[in-house]
Amino acid sequence: MEKEIENLKYNYIHQSETWVYTLNGRPVGFISLLGHEIGGLFVSPGFQSQGIGTQLVDFAYKNRKKLTVNVFERNTKAEDFYKKRGFDFISGHKHSSGYHLLHLVKT
């Protein structure tokens, strides 16, 4: 997992398009896309469950018309979040970390 966090910080985000959600001028969340793939979706803990993540996904989908995302199977909270927003399971495979990774798509 730590390797994936490093990949996210130093590889994916620098190569992606990123939109930031702000409240009163304060950034509280963001979504980063690599083409059609969600490379990162984060909302500050104090602002979760307020629809910010949904708004970011909806904004990205409106601009792309198709989105994909990879989620670790053991991250059931993220998997449920995406499935509730219309993402469907496409495939899965064992990640180099040893954990199972799910590939989801919204078309």
PDB file of N, CA and C in Angstrom:
ATOM      1  N   MET A   1       0.816  -1.188   0.000  1.00  0.00           N
ATOM      2  CA  MET A   1       0.000   0.000   0.000  1.00  0.00           C
ATOM      3  C   MET A   1       0.865   1.260   0.000  1.00  0.00           C
ATOM      4  N   GLU A   2       1.947   1.229   0.750  1.00  0.00           N
ATOM      5  CA  GLU A   2       2.806   2.413   0.787  1.00  0.00           C
ATOM      6  C   GLU A   2       3.385   2.715  -0.589  1.00  0.00           C
ATOM      7  N   LYS A   3       3.703   1.662  -1.356  1.00  0.00           N
ATOM      8  CA  LYS A   3       4.221   1.866  -2.712  1.00  0.00           C
ATOM      9  C   LYS A   3       3.160   2.537  -3.583  1.00  0.00           C
ATOM     10  N   GLU A   4       1.900   2.153  -3.422  1.00  0.00           N
ATOM     11  CA  GLU A   4       0.821   2.769  -4.197  1.00  0.00           C
ATOM     12  C   GLU A   4       0.634   4.236  -3.808  1.00  0.00           C
ATOM     13  N   ILE A   5       0.773   4.544  -2.550  1.00  0.00           N
ATOM     14  CA  ILE A   5       0.676   5.935  -2.106  1.00  0.00           C
ATOM     15  C   ILE A   5       1.803   6.745  -2.738  1.00  0.00           C
ATOM     16  N   GLU A   6       2.995   6.189  -2.771  1.00  0.00           N
ATOM     17  CA  GLU A   6       4.125   6.875  -3.416  1.00  0.00           C
ATOM     18  C   GLU A   6       3.862   7.057  -4.912  1.00  0.00           C
ATOM     19  N   ASN A   7       3.334   6.021  -5.578  1.00  0.00           N
ATOM     20  CA  ASN A   7       2.996   6.133  -7.004  1.00  0.00           C
ATOM     21  C   ASN A   7       1.982   7.244  -7.230  1.00  0.00           C
ATOM     22  N   LEU A   8       0.995   7.301  -6.354  1.00  0.00           N
ATOM     23  CA  LEU A   8      -0.038   8.323  -6.486  1.00  0.00           C
ATOM     24  C   LEU A   8       0.571   9.719  -6.346  1.00  0.00           C
ATOM     25  N   LYS A   9       1.385   9.914  -5.314  1.00  0.00           N
ATOM     26  CA  LYS A   9       1.962  11.237  -5.069  1.00  0.00           C
ATOM     27  C   LYS A   9       2.951  11.665  -6.140  1.00  0.00           C
ATOM     28  N   TYR A  10       3.790  10.749  -6.572  1.00  0.00           N
ATOM     29  CA  TYR A  10       4.909  11.153  -7.420  1.00  0.00           C
ATOM     30  C   TYR A  10       4.748  10.833  -8.902  1.00  0.00           C
ATOM     31  N   ASN A  11       3.796   9.993  -9.260  1.00  0.00           N
ATOM     32  CA  ASN A  11       3.621   9.647 -10.675  1.00  0.00           C
ATOM     33  C   ASN A  11       2.266  10.068 -11.207  1.00  0.00           C
ATOM     34  N   TYR A  12       1.213   9.493 -10.662  1.00  0.00           N
ATOM     35  CA  TYR A  12      -0.117   9.671 -11.227  1.00  0.00           C
ATOM     36  C   TYR A  12      -0.594  11.120 -11.205  1.00  0.00           C
ATOM     37  N   ILE A  13      -0.512  11.761 -10.069  1.00  0.00           N
ATOM     38  CA  ILE A  13      -1.078  13.101  -9.942  1.00  0.00           C
ATOM     39  C   ILE A  13      -0.362  14.098 -10.854  1.00  0.00           C
ATOM     40  N   HIS A  14       0.935  13.952 -11.020  1.00  0.00           N
ATOM     41  CA  HIS A  14       1.682  14.870 -11.881  1.00  0.00           C
ATOM     42  C   HIS A  14       1.329  14.695 -13.356  1.00  0.00           C
ATOM     43  N   GLN A  15       0.824  13.529 -13.735  1.00  0.00           N
ATOM     44  CA  GLN A  15       0.477  13.245 -15.123  1.00  0.00           C
ATOM     45  C   GLN A  15      -1.013  13.420 -15.387  1.00  0.00           C
ATOM     46  N   SER A  16      -1.749  13.840 -14.412  1.00  0.00           N
ATOM     47  CA  SER A  16      -3.210  13.854 -14.526  1.00  0.00           C
ATOM     48  C   SER A  16      -3.768  15.273 -14.600  1.00  0.00           C
ATOM     49  N   GLU A  17      -5.059  15.312 -14.938  1.00  0.00           N
ATOM     50  CA  GLU A  17      -5.834  16.547 -14.801  1.00  0.00           C
ATOM     51  C   GLU A  17      -6.517  16.465 -13.446  1.00  0.00           C
ATOM     52  N   THR A  18      -6.430  17.529 -12.686  1.00  0.00           N
ATOM     53  CA  THR A  18      -6.969  17.511 -11.332  1.00  0.00           C
ATOM     54  C   THR A  18      -7.920  18.680 -11.129  1.00  0.00           C
ATOM     55  N   TRP A  19      -9.068  18.379 -10.520  1.00  0.00           N
ATOM     56  CA  TRP A  19     -10.036  19.402 -10.150  1.00  0.00           C
ATOM     57  C   TRP A  19     -10.166  19.385  -8.636  1.00  0.00           C
ATOM     58  N   VAL A  20     -10.194  20.579  -8.068  1.00  0.00           N
ATOM     59  CA  VAL A  20     -10.245  20.733  -6.616  1.00  0.00           C
ATOM     60  C   VAL A  20     -11.610  21.288  -6.223  1.00  0.00           C
ATOM     61  N   TYR A  21     -12.185  20.707  -5.193  1.00  0.00           N
ATOM     62  CA  TYR A  21     -13.452  21.172  -4.629  1.00  0.00           C
ATOM     63  C   TYR A  21     -13.114  22.063  -3.442  1.00  0.00           C
ATOM     64  N   THR A  22     -13.625  23.290  -3.463  1.00  0.00           N
ATOM     65  CA  THR A  22     -13.353  24.213  -2.360  1.00  0.00           C
ATOM     66  C   THR A  22     -14.648  24.644  -1.681  1.00  0.00           C
ATOM     67  N   LEU A  23     -14.543  24.926  -0.417  1.00  0.00           N
ATOM     68  CA  LEU A  23     -15.619  25.517   0.379  1.00  0.00           C
ATOM     69  C   LEU A  23     -15.046  26.747   1.058  1.00  0.00           C
ATOM     70  N   ASN A  24     -15.645  27.897   0.802  1.00  0.00           N
ATOM     71  CA  ASN A  24     -15.154  29.154   1.372  1.00  0.00           C
ATOM     72  C   ASN A  24     -13.668  29.365   1.085  1.00  0.00           C
ATOM     73  N   GLY A  25     -13.250  29.003  -0.139  1.00  0.00           N
ATOM     74  CA  GLY A  25     -11.873  29.185  -0.546  1.00  0.00           C
ATOM     75  C   GLY A  25     -10.898  28.151  -0.012  1.00  0.00           C
ATOM     76  N   ARG A  26     -11.402  27.179   0.718  1.00  0.00           N
ATOM     77  CA  ARG A  26     -10.547  26.145   1.317  1.00  0.00           C
ATOM     78  C   ARG A  26     -10.700  24.842   0.540  1.00  0.00           C
ATOM     79  N   PRO A  27      -9.598  24.246   0.059  1.00  0.00           N
ATOM     80  CA  PRO A  27      -9.710  22.969  -0.642  1.00  0.00           C
ATOM     81  C   PRO A  27     -10.087  21.857   0.332  1.00  0.00           C
ATOM     82  N   VAL A  28     -11.142  21.103  -0.021  1.00  0.00           N
ATOM     83  CA  VAL A  28     -11.585  20.011   0.849  1.00  0.00           C
ATOM     84  C   VAL A  28     -11.643  18.675   0.119  1.00  0.00           C
ATOM     85  N   GLY A  29     -11.399  18.686  -1.193  1.00  0.00           N
ATOM     86  CA  GLY A  29     -11.398  17.443  -1.945  1.00  0.00           C
ATOM     87  C   GLY A  29     -10.859  17.656  -3.340  1.00  0.00           C
ATOM     88  N   PHE A  30     -10.521  16.549  -3.997  1.00  0.00           N
ATOM     89  CA  PHE A  30     -10.085  16.644  -5.390  1.00  0.00           C
ATOM     90  C   PHE A  30     -10.280  15.317  -6.103  1.00  0.00           C
ATOM     91  N   ILE A  31     -10.314  15.400  -7.429  1.00  0.00           N
ATOM     92  CA  ILE A  31     -10.335  14.218  -8.281  1.00  0.00           C
ATOM     93  C   ILE A  31      -9.281  14.424  -9.353  1.00  0.00           C
ATOM     94  N   SER A  32      -8.507  13.386  -9.613  1.00  0.00           N
ATOM     95  CA  SER A  32      -7.473  13.425 -10.638  1.00  0.00           C
ATOM     96  C   SER A  32      -7.762  12.341 -11.668  1.00  0.00           C
ATOM     97  N   LEU A  33      -7.718  12.729 -12.947  1.00  0.00           N
ATOM     98  CA  LEU A  33      -8.002  11.804 -14.039  1.00  0.00           C
ATOM     99  C   LEU A  33      -6.788  11.632 -14.930  1.00  0.00           C
ATOM    100  N   LEU A  34      -6.554  10.392 -15.307  1.00  0.00           N
ATOM    101  CA  LEU A  34      -5.566  10.032 -16.319  1.00  0.00           C
ATOM    102  C   LEU A  34      -6.375   9.564 -17.516  1.00  0.00           C
ATOM    103  N   GLY A  35      -6.700  10.467 -18.401  1.00  0.00           N
ATOM    104  CA  GLY A  35      -7.620  10.131 -19.488  1.00  0.00           C
ATOM    105  C   GLY A  35      -8.999   9.889 -18.906  1.00  0.00           C
ATOM    106  N   HIS A  36      -9.478   8.640 -19.008  1.00  0.00           N
ATOM    107  CA  HIS A  36     -10.783   8.267 -18.461  1.00  0.00           C
ATOM    108  C   HIS A  36     -10.673   7.607 -17.084  1.00  0.00           C
ATOM    109  N   GLU A  37      -9.447   7.395 -16.619  1.00  0.00           N
ATOM    110  CA  GLU A  37      -9.244   6.684 -15.356  1.00  0.00           C
ATOM    111  C   GLU A  37      -9.147   7.646 -14.181  1.00  0.00           C
ATOM    112  N   ILE A  38      -9.885   7.337 -13.123  1.00  0.00           N
ATOM    113  CA  ILE A  38      -9.756   8.086 -11.883  1.00  0.00           C
ATOM    114  C   ILE A  38      -8.471   7.617 -11.205  1.00  0.00           C
ATOM    115  N   GLY A  39      -7.485   8.494 -11.174  1.00  0.00           N
ATOM    116  CA  GLY A  39      -6.220   8.169 -10.527  1.00  0.00           C
ATOM    117  C   GLY A  39      -6.253   8.459  -9.040  1.00  0.00           C
ATOM    118  N   GLY A  40      -7.141   9.350  -8.631  1.00  0.00           N
ATOM    119  CA  GLY A  40      -7.274   9.678  -7.221  1.00  0.00           C
ATOM    120  C   GLY A  40      -8.548  10.458  -6.970  1.00  0.00           C
ATOM    121  N   LEU A  41      -9.220  10.116  -5.904  1.00  0.00           N
ATOM    122  CA  LEU A  41     -10.408  10.836  -5.442  1.00  0.00           C
ATOM    123  C   LEU A  41     -10.298  10.900  -3.923  1.00  0.00           C
ATOM    124  N   PHE A  42     -10.168  12.112  -3.417  1.00  0.00           N
ATOM    125  CA  PHE A  42     -10.006  12.276  -1.982  1.00  0.00           C
ATOM    126  C   PHE A  42     -10.859  13.426  -1.477  1.00  0.00           C
ATOM    127  N   VAL A  43     -11.461  13.204  -0.318  1.00  0.00           N
ATOM    128  CA  VAL A  43     -12.213  14.247   0.381  1.00  0.00           C
ATOM    129  C   VAL A  43     -11.703  14.243   1.822  1.00  0.00           C
ATOM    130  N   SER A  44     -11.396  15.426   2.335  1.00  0.00           N
ATOM    131  CA  SER A  44     -10.917  15.539   3.719  1.00  0.00           C
ATOM    132  C   SER A  44     -11.891  14.855   4.666  1.00  0.00           C
ATOM    133  N   PRO A  45     -11.378  14.128   5.648  1.00  0.00           N
ATOM    134  CA  PRO A  45     -12.253  13.367   6.548  1.00  0.00           C
ATOM    135  C   PRO A  45     -13.411  14.162   7.137  1.00  0.00           C
ATOM    136  N   GLY A  46     -13.218  15.388   7.524  1.00  0.00           N
ATOM    137  CA  GLY A  46     -14.287  16.178   8.123  1.00  0.00           C
ATOM    138  C   GLY A  46     -15.377  16.588   7.143  1.00  0.00           C
ATOM    139  N   PHE A  47     -15.145  16.337   5.860  1.00  0.00           N
ATOM    140  CA  PHE A  47     -16.104  16.739   4.833  1.00  0.00           C
ATOM    141  C   PHE A  47     -16.677  15.551   4.065  1.00  0.00           C
ATOM    142  N   GLN A  48     -16.355  14.344   4.496  1.00  0.00           N
ATOM    143  CA  GLN A  48     -16.876  13.150   3.829  1.00  0.00           C
ATOM    144  C   GLN A  48     -18.351  12.957   4.162  1.00  0.00           C
ATOM    145  N   SER A  49     -19.035  12.201   3.303  1.00  0.00           N
ATOM    146  CA  SER A  49     -20.466  11.902   3.452  1.00  0.00           C
ATOM    147  C   SER A  49     -21.329  13.148   3.343  1.00  0.00           C
ATOM    148  N   GLN A  50     -20.858  14.152   2.602  1.00  0.00           N
ATOM    149  CA  GLN A  50     -21.631  15.376   2.369  1.00  0.00           C
ATOM    150  C   GLN A  50     -21.897  15.588   0.877  1.00  0.00           C
ATOM    151  N   GLY A  51     -21.586  14.572   0.060  1.00  0.00           N
ATOM    152  CA  GLY A  51     -21.862  14.661  -1.371  1.00  0.00           C
ATOM    153  C   GLY A  51     -20.740  15.246  -2.202  1.00  0.00           C
ATOM    154  N   ILE A  52     -19.622  15.575  -1.595  1.00  0.00           N
ATOM    155  CA  ILE A  52     -18.509  16.185  -2.328  1.00  0.00           C
ATOM    156  C   ILE A  52     -17.886  15.192  -3.297  1.00  0.00           C
ATOM    157  N   GLY A  53     -17.639  13.985  -2.850  1.00  0.00           N
ATOM    158  CA  GLY A  53     -17.079  12.955  -3.725  1.00  0.00           C
ATOM    159  C   GLY A  53     -17.996  12.678  -4.901  1.00  0.00           C
ATOM    160  N   THR A  54     -19.283  12.618  -4.645  1.00  0.00           N
ATOM    161  CA  THR A  54     -20.265  12.397  -5.708  1.00  0.00           C
ATOM    162  C   THR A  54     -20.230  13.541  -6.711  1.00  0.00           C
ATOM    163  N   GLN A  55     -20.172  14.765  -6.226  1.00  0.00           N
ATOM    164  CA  GLN A  55     -20.115  15.915  -7.131  1.00  0.00           C
ATOM    165  C   GLN A  55     -18.850  15.890  -7.989  1.00  0.00           C
ATOM    166  N   LEU A  56     -17.729  15.495  -7.409  1.00  0.00           N
ATOM    167  CA  LEU A  56     -16.484  15.403  -8.175  1.00  0.00           C
ATOM    168  C   LEU A  56     -16.571  14.326  -9.252  1.00  0.00           C
ATOM    169  N   VAL A  57     -17.129  13.163  -8.900  1.00  0.00           N
ATOM    170  CA  VAL A  57     -17.292  12.085  -9.881  1.00  0.00           C
ATOM    171  C   VAL A  57     -18.264  12.519 -10.974  1.00  0.00           C
ATOM    172  N   ASP A  58     -19.368  13.142 -10.596  1.00  0.00           N
ATOM    173  CA  ASP A  58     -20.344  13.611 -11.587  1.00  0.00           C
ATOM    174  C   ASP A  58     -19.722  14.628 -12.537  1.00  0.00           C
ATOM    175  N   PHE A  59     -18.925  15.544 -12.013  1.00  0.00           N
ATOM    176  CA  PHE A  59     -18.252  16.540 -12.834  1.00  0.00           C
ATOM    177  C   PHE A  59     -17.311  15.863 -13.834  1.00  0.00           C
ATOM    178  N   ALA A  60     -16.516  14.913 -13.341  1.00  0.00           N
ATOM    179  CA  ALA A  60     -15.577  14.208 -14.212  1.00  0.00           C
ATOM    180  C   ALA A  60     -16.323  13.414 -15.283  1.00  0.00           C
ATOM    181  N   TYR A  61     -17.408  12.758 -14.890  1.00  0.00           N
ATOM    182  CA  TYR A  61     -18.178  11.948 -15.846  1.00  0.00           C
ATOM    183  C   TYR A  61     -18.802  12.833 -16.928  1.00  0.00           C
ATOM    184  N   LYS A  62     -19.295  13.983 -16.541  1.00  0.00           N
ATOM    185  CA  LYS A  62     -19.901  14.901 -17.500  1.00  0.00           C
ATOM    186  C   LYS A  62     -18.864  15.347 -18.541  1.00  0.00           C
ATOM    187  N   ASN A  63     -17.612  15.459 -18.121  1.00  0.00           N
ATOM    188  CA  ASN A  63     -16.547  15.884 -19.016  1.00  0.00           C
ATOM    189  C   ASN A  63     -15.924  14.743 -19.816  1.00  0.00           C
ATOM    190  N   ARG A  64     -16.123  13.495 -19.385  1.00  0.00           N
ATOM    191  CA  ARG A  64     -15.487  12.363 -20.058  1.00  0.00           C
ATOM    192  C   ARG A  64     -16.471  11.387 -20.710  1.00  0.00           C
ATOM    193  N   LYS A  65     -17.664  11.276 -20.195  1.00  0.00           N
ATOM    194  CA  LYS A  65     -18.701  10.343 -20.676  1.00  0.00           C
ATOM    195  C   LYS A  65     -18.368   8.877 -20.417  1.00  0.00           C
ATOM    196  N   LYS A  66     -17.204   8.599 -19.869  1.00  0.00           N
ATOM    197  CA  LYS A  66     -16.814   7.254 -19.455  1.00  0.00           C
ATOM    198  C   LYS A  66     -15.739   7.425 -18.398  1.00  0.00           C
ATOM    199  N   LEU A  67     -15.833   6.638 -17.330  1.00  0.00           N
ATOM    200  CA  LEU A  67     -14.813   6.664 -16.289  1.00  0.00           C
ATOM    201  C   LEU A  67     -14.463   5.238 -15.889  1.00  0.00           C
ATOM    202  N   THR A  68     -13.214   5.029 -15.565  1.00  0.00           N
ATOM    203  CA  THR A  68     -12.776   3.758 -14.993  1.00  0.00           C
ATOM    204  C   THR A  68     -12.054   4.054 -13.685  1.00  0.00           C
ATOM    205  N   VAL A  69     -12.008   3.064 -12.838  1.00  0.00           N
ATOM    206  CA  VAL A  69     -11.301   3.206 -11.566  1.00  0.00           C
ATOM    207  C   VAL A  69     -10.861   1.819 -11.105  1.00  0.00           C
ATOM    208  N   ASN A  70      -9.717   1.764 -10.454  1.00  0.00           N
ATOM    209  CA  ASN A  70      -9.232   0.535  -9.835  1.00  0.00           C
ATOM    210  C   ASN A  70      -9.339   0.698  -8.328  1.00  0.00           C
ATOM    211  N   VAL A  71      -9.905  -0.316  -7.680  1.00  0.00           N
ATOM    212  CA  VAL A  71     -10.139  -0.278  -6.243  1.00  0.00           C
ATOM    213  C   VAL A  71      -9.677  -1.600  -5.653  1.00  0.00           C
ATOM    214  N   PHE A  72      -8.940  -1.531  -4.562  1.00  0.00           N
ATOM    215  CA  PHE A  72      -8.575  -2.762  -3.885  1.00  0.00           C
ATOM    216  C   PHE A  72      -9.826  -3.413  -3.307  1.00  0.00           C
ATOM    217  N   GLU A  73      -9.957  -4.708  -3.524  1.00  0.00           N
ATOM    218  CA  GLU A  73     -11.148  -5.443  -3.098  1.00  0.00           C
ATOM    219  C   GLU A  73     -11.405  -5.286  -1.602  1.00  0.00           C
ATOM    220  N   ARG A  74     -10.370  -5.184  -0.834  1.00  0.00           N
ATOM    221  CA  ARG A  74     -10.562  -5.064   0.615  1.00  0.00           C
ATOM    222  C   ARG A  74     -11.031  -3.671   1.021  1.00  0.00           C
ATOM    223  N   ASN A  75     -11.029  -2.727   0.088  1.00  0.00           N
ATOM    224  CA  ASN A  75     -11.526  -1.375   0.350  1.00  0.00           C
ATOM    225  C   ASN A  75     -13.013  -1.328  -0.007  1.00  0.00           C
ATOM    226  N   THR A  76     -13.814  -2.002   0.799  1.00  0.00           N
ATOM    227  CA  THR A  76     -15.246  -2.132   0.502  1.00  0.00           C
ATOM    228  C   THR A  76     -15.968  -0.785   0.520  1.00  0.00           C
ATOM    229  N   LYS A  77     -15.490   0.153   1.310  1.00  0.00           N
ATOM    230  CA  LYS A  77     -16.112   1.487   1.345  1.00  0.00           C
ATOM    231  C   LYS A  77     -15.992   2.154  -0.024  1.00  0.00           C
ATOM    232  N   ALA A  78     -14.810   2.106  -0.625  1.00  0.00           N
ATOM    233  CA  ALA A  78     -14.613   2.699  -1.957  1.00  0.00           C
ATOM    234  C   ALA A  78     -15.401   1.935  -3.010  1.00  0.00           C
ATOM    235  N   GLU A  79     -15.368   0.622  -2.945  1.00  0.00           N
ATOM    236  CA  GLU A  79     -16.121  -0.194  -3.915  1.00  0.00           C
ATOM    237  C   GLU A  79     -17.608   0.146  -3.853  1.00  0.00           C
ATOM    238  N   ASP A  80     -18.159   0.216  -2.660  1.00  0.00           N
ATOM    239  CA  ASP A  80     -19.578   0.561  -2.498  1.00  0.00           C
ATOM    240  C   ASP A  80     -19.865   1.967  -3.018  1.00  0.00           C
ATOM    241  N   PHE A  81     -18.970   2.915  -2.746  1.00  0.00           N
ATOM    242  CA  PHE A  81     -19.138   4.286  -3.216  1.00  0.00           C
ATOM    243  C   PHE A  81     -19.292   4.305  -4.736  1.00  0.00           C
ATOM    244  N   TYR A  82     -18.370   3.663  -5.422  1.00  0.00           N
ATOM    245  CA  TYR A  82     -18.408   3.686  -6.890  1.00  0.00           C
ATOM    246  C   TYR A  82     -19.610   2.925  -7.448  1.00  0.00           C
ATOM    247  N   LYS A  83     -19.931   1.797  -6.874  1.00  0.00           N
ATOM    248  CA  LYS A  83     -21.077   1.022  -7.374  1.00  0.00           C
ATOM    249  C   LYS A  83     -22.386   1.795  -7.192  1.00  0.00           C
ATOM    250  N   LYS A  84     -22.529   2.529  -6.107  1.00  0.00           N
ATOM    251  CA  LYS A  84     -23.729   3.342  -5.889  1.00  0.00           C
ATOM    252  C   LYS A  84     -23.828   4.486  -6.892  1.00  0.00           C
ATOM    253  N   ARG A  85     -22.725   4.821  -7.521  1.00  0.00           N
ATOM    254  CA  ARG A  85     -22.699   5.909  -8.502  1.00  0.00           C
ATOM    255  C   ARG A  85     -22.658   5.395  -9.936  1.00  0.00           C
ATOM    256  N   GLY A  86     -23.059   4.125 -10.110  1.00  0.00           N
ATOM    257  CA  GLY A  86     -23.235   3.574 -11.448  1.00  0.00           C
ATOM    258  C   GLY A  86     -22.045   2.861 -12.054  1.00  0.00           C
ATOM    259  N   PHE A  87     -21.014   2.614 -11.289  1.00  0.00           N
ATOM    260  CA  PHE A  87     -19.864   1.872 -11.802  1.00  0.00           C
ATOM    261  C   PHE A  87     -20.161   0.382 -11.730  1.00  0.00           C
ATOM    262  N   ASP A  88     -19.709  -0.342 -12.757  1.00  0.00           N
ATOM    263  CA  ASP A  88     -19.886  -1.792 -12.818  1.00  0.00           C
ATOM    264  C   ASP A  88     -18.534  -2.488 -12.803  1.00  0.00           C
ATOM    265  N   PHE A  89     -18.518  -3.669 -12.210  1.00  0.00           N
ATOM    266  CA  PHE A  89     -17.313  -4.493 -12.173  1.00  0.00           C
ATOM    267  C   PHE A  89     -17.009  -5.001 -13.582  1.00  0.00           C
ATOM    268  N   ILE A  90     -15.765  -4.847 -14.017  1.00  0.00           N
ATOM    269  CA  ILE A  90     -15.336  -5.332 -15.327  1.00  0.00           C
ATOM    270  C   ILE A  90     -14.396  -6.521 -15.179  1.00  0.00           C
ATOM    271  N   SER A  91     -13.398  -6.378 -14.327  1.00  0.00           N
ATOM    272  CA  SER A  91     -12.423  -7.457 -14.157  1.00  0.00           C
ATOM    273  C   SER A  91     -11.692  -7.269 -12.839  1.00  0.00           C
ATOM    274  N   GLY A  92     -10.891  -8.235 -12.518  1.00  0.00           N
ATOM    275  CA  GLY A  92     -10.073  -8.165 -11.322  1.00  0.00           C
ATOM    276  C   GLY A  92      -8.785  -8.931 -11.532  1.00  0.00           C
ATOM    277  N   HIS A  93      -7.779  -8.566 -10.772  1.00  0.00           N
ATOM    278  CA  HIS A  93      -6.516  -9.299 -10.843  1.00  0.00           C
ATOM    279  C   HIS A  93      -5.729  -9.081  -9.554  1.00  0.00           C
ATOM    280  N   LYS A  94      -4.755  -9.932  -9.367  1.00  0.00           N
ATOM    281  CA  LYS A  94      -3.900  -9.802  -8.195  1.00  0.00           C
ATOM    282  C   LYS A  94      -2.870  -8.712  -8.460  1.00  0.00           C
ATOM    283  N   HIS A  95      -2.824  -7.750  -7.592  1.00  0.00           N
ATOM    284  CA  HIS A  95      -1.887  -6.628  -7.674  1.00  0.00           C
ATOM    285  C   HIS A  95      -0.512  -7.079  -7.176  1.00  0.00           C
ATOM    286  N   SER A  96       0.526  -6.360  -7.562  1.00  0.00           N
ATOM    287  CA  SER A  96       1.890  -6.701  -7.124  1.00  0.00           C
ATOM    288  C   SER A  96       2.032  -6.677  -5.601  1.00  0.00           C
ATOM    289  N   SER A  97       1.125  -5.971  -4.932  1.00  0.00           N
ATOM    290  CA  SER A  97       1.135  -5.922  -3.467  1.00  0.00           C
ATOM    291  C   SER A  97       0.626  -7.218  -2.852  1.00  0.00           C
ATOM    292  N   GLY A  98       0.018  -8.061  -3.691  1.00  0.00           N
ATOM    293  CA  GLY A  98      -0.576  -9.302  -3.188  1.00  0.00           C
ATOM    294  C   GLY A  98      -2.069  -9.189  -2.958  1.00  0.00           C
ATOM    295  N   TYR A  99      -2.601  -7.985  -2.985  1.00  0.00           N
ATOM    296  CA  TYR A  99      -4.026  -7.774  -2.793  1.00  0.00           C
ATOM    297  C   TYR A  99      -4.754  -7.835  -4.131  1.00  0.00           C
ATOM    298  N   HIS A 100      -6.027  -8.153  -4.080  1.00  0.00           N
ATOM    299  CA  HIS A 100      -6.833  -8.249  -5.286  1.00  0.00           C
ATOM    300  C   HIS A 100      -7.354  -6.861  -5.673  1.00  0.00           C
ATOM    301  N   LEU A 101      -7.201  -6.502  -6.940  1.00  0.00           N
ATOM    302  CA  LEU A 101      -7.601  -5.204  -7.444  1.00  0.00           C
ATOM    303  C   LEU A 101      -8.786  -5.367  -8.373  1.00  0.00           C
ATOM    304  N   LEU A 102      -9.831  -4.542  -8.174  1.00  0.00           N
ATOM    305  CA  LEU A 102     -11.028  -4.579  -9.004  1.00  0.00           C
ATOM    306  C   LEU A 102     -10.990  -3.433 -10.002  1.00  0.00           C
ATOM    307  N   HIS A 103     -11.387  -3.710 -11.232  1.00  0.00           N
ATOM    308  CA  HIS A 103     -11.466  -2.684 -12.264  1.00  0.00           C
ATOM    309  C   HIS A 103     -12.949  -2.408 -12.513  1.00  0.00           C
ATOM    310  N   LEU A 104     -13.386  -1.146 -12.289  1.00  0.00           N
ATOM    311  CA  LEU A 104     -14.769  -0.749 -12.426  1.00  0.00           C
ATOM    312  C   LEU A 104     -14.888   0.283 -13.533  1.00  0.00           C
ATOM    313  N   VAL A 105     -16.057   0.326 -14.197  1.00  0.00           N
ATOM    314  CA  VAL A 105     -16.274   1.287 -15.277  1.00  0.00           C
ATOM    315  C   VAL A 105     -17.678   1.862 -15.194  1.00  0.00           C
ATOM    316  N   LYS A 106     -17.791   3.129 -15.580  1.00  0.00           N
ATOM    317  CA  LYS A 106     -19.097   3.798 -15.715  1.00  0.00           C
ATOM    318  C   LYS A 106     -19.161   4.335 -17.132  1.00  0.00           C
ATOM    319  N   THR A 107     -20.165   3.850 -17.890  1.00  0.00           N
ATOM    320  CA  THR A 107     -20.324   4.316 -19.273  1.00  0.00           C
ATOM    321  C   THR A 107     -21.669   4.957 -19.456  1.00  0.00           C
TER     322      THR A 107
END
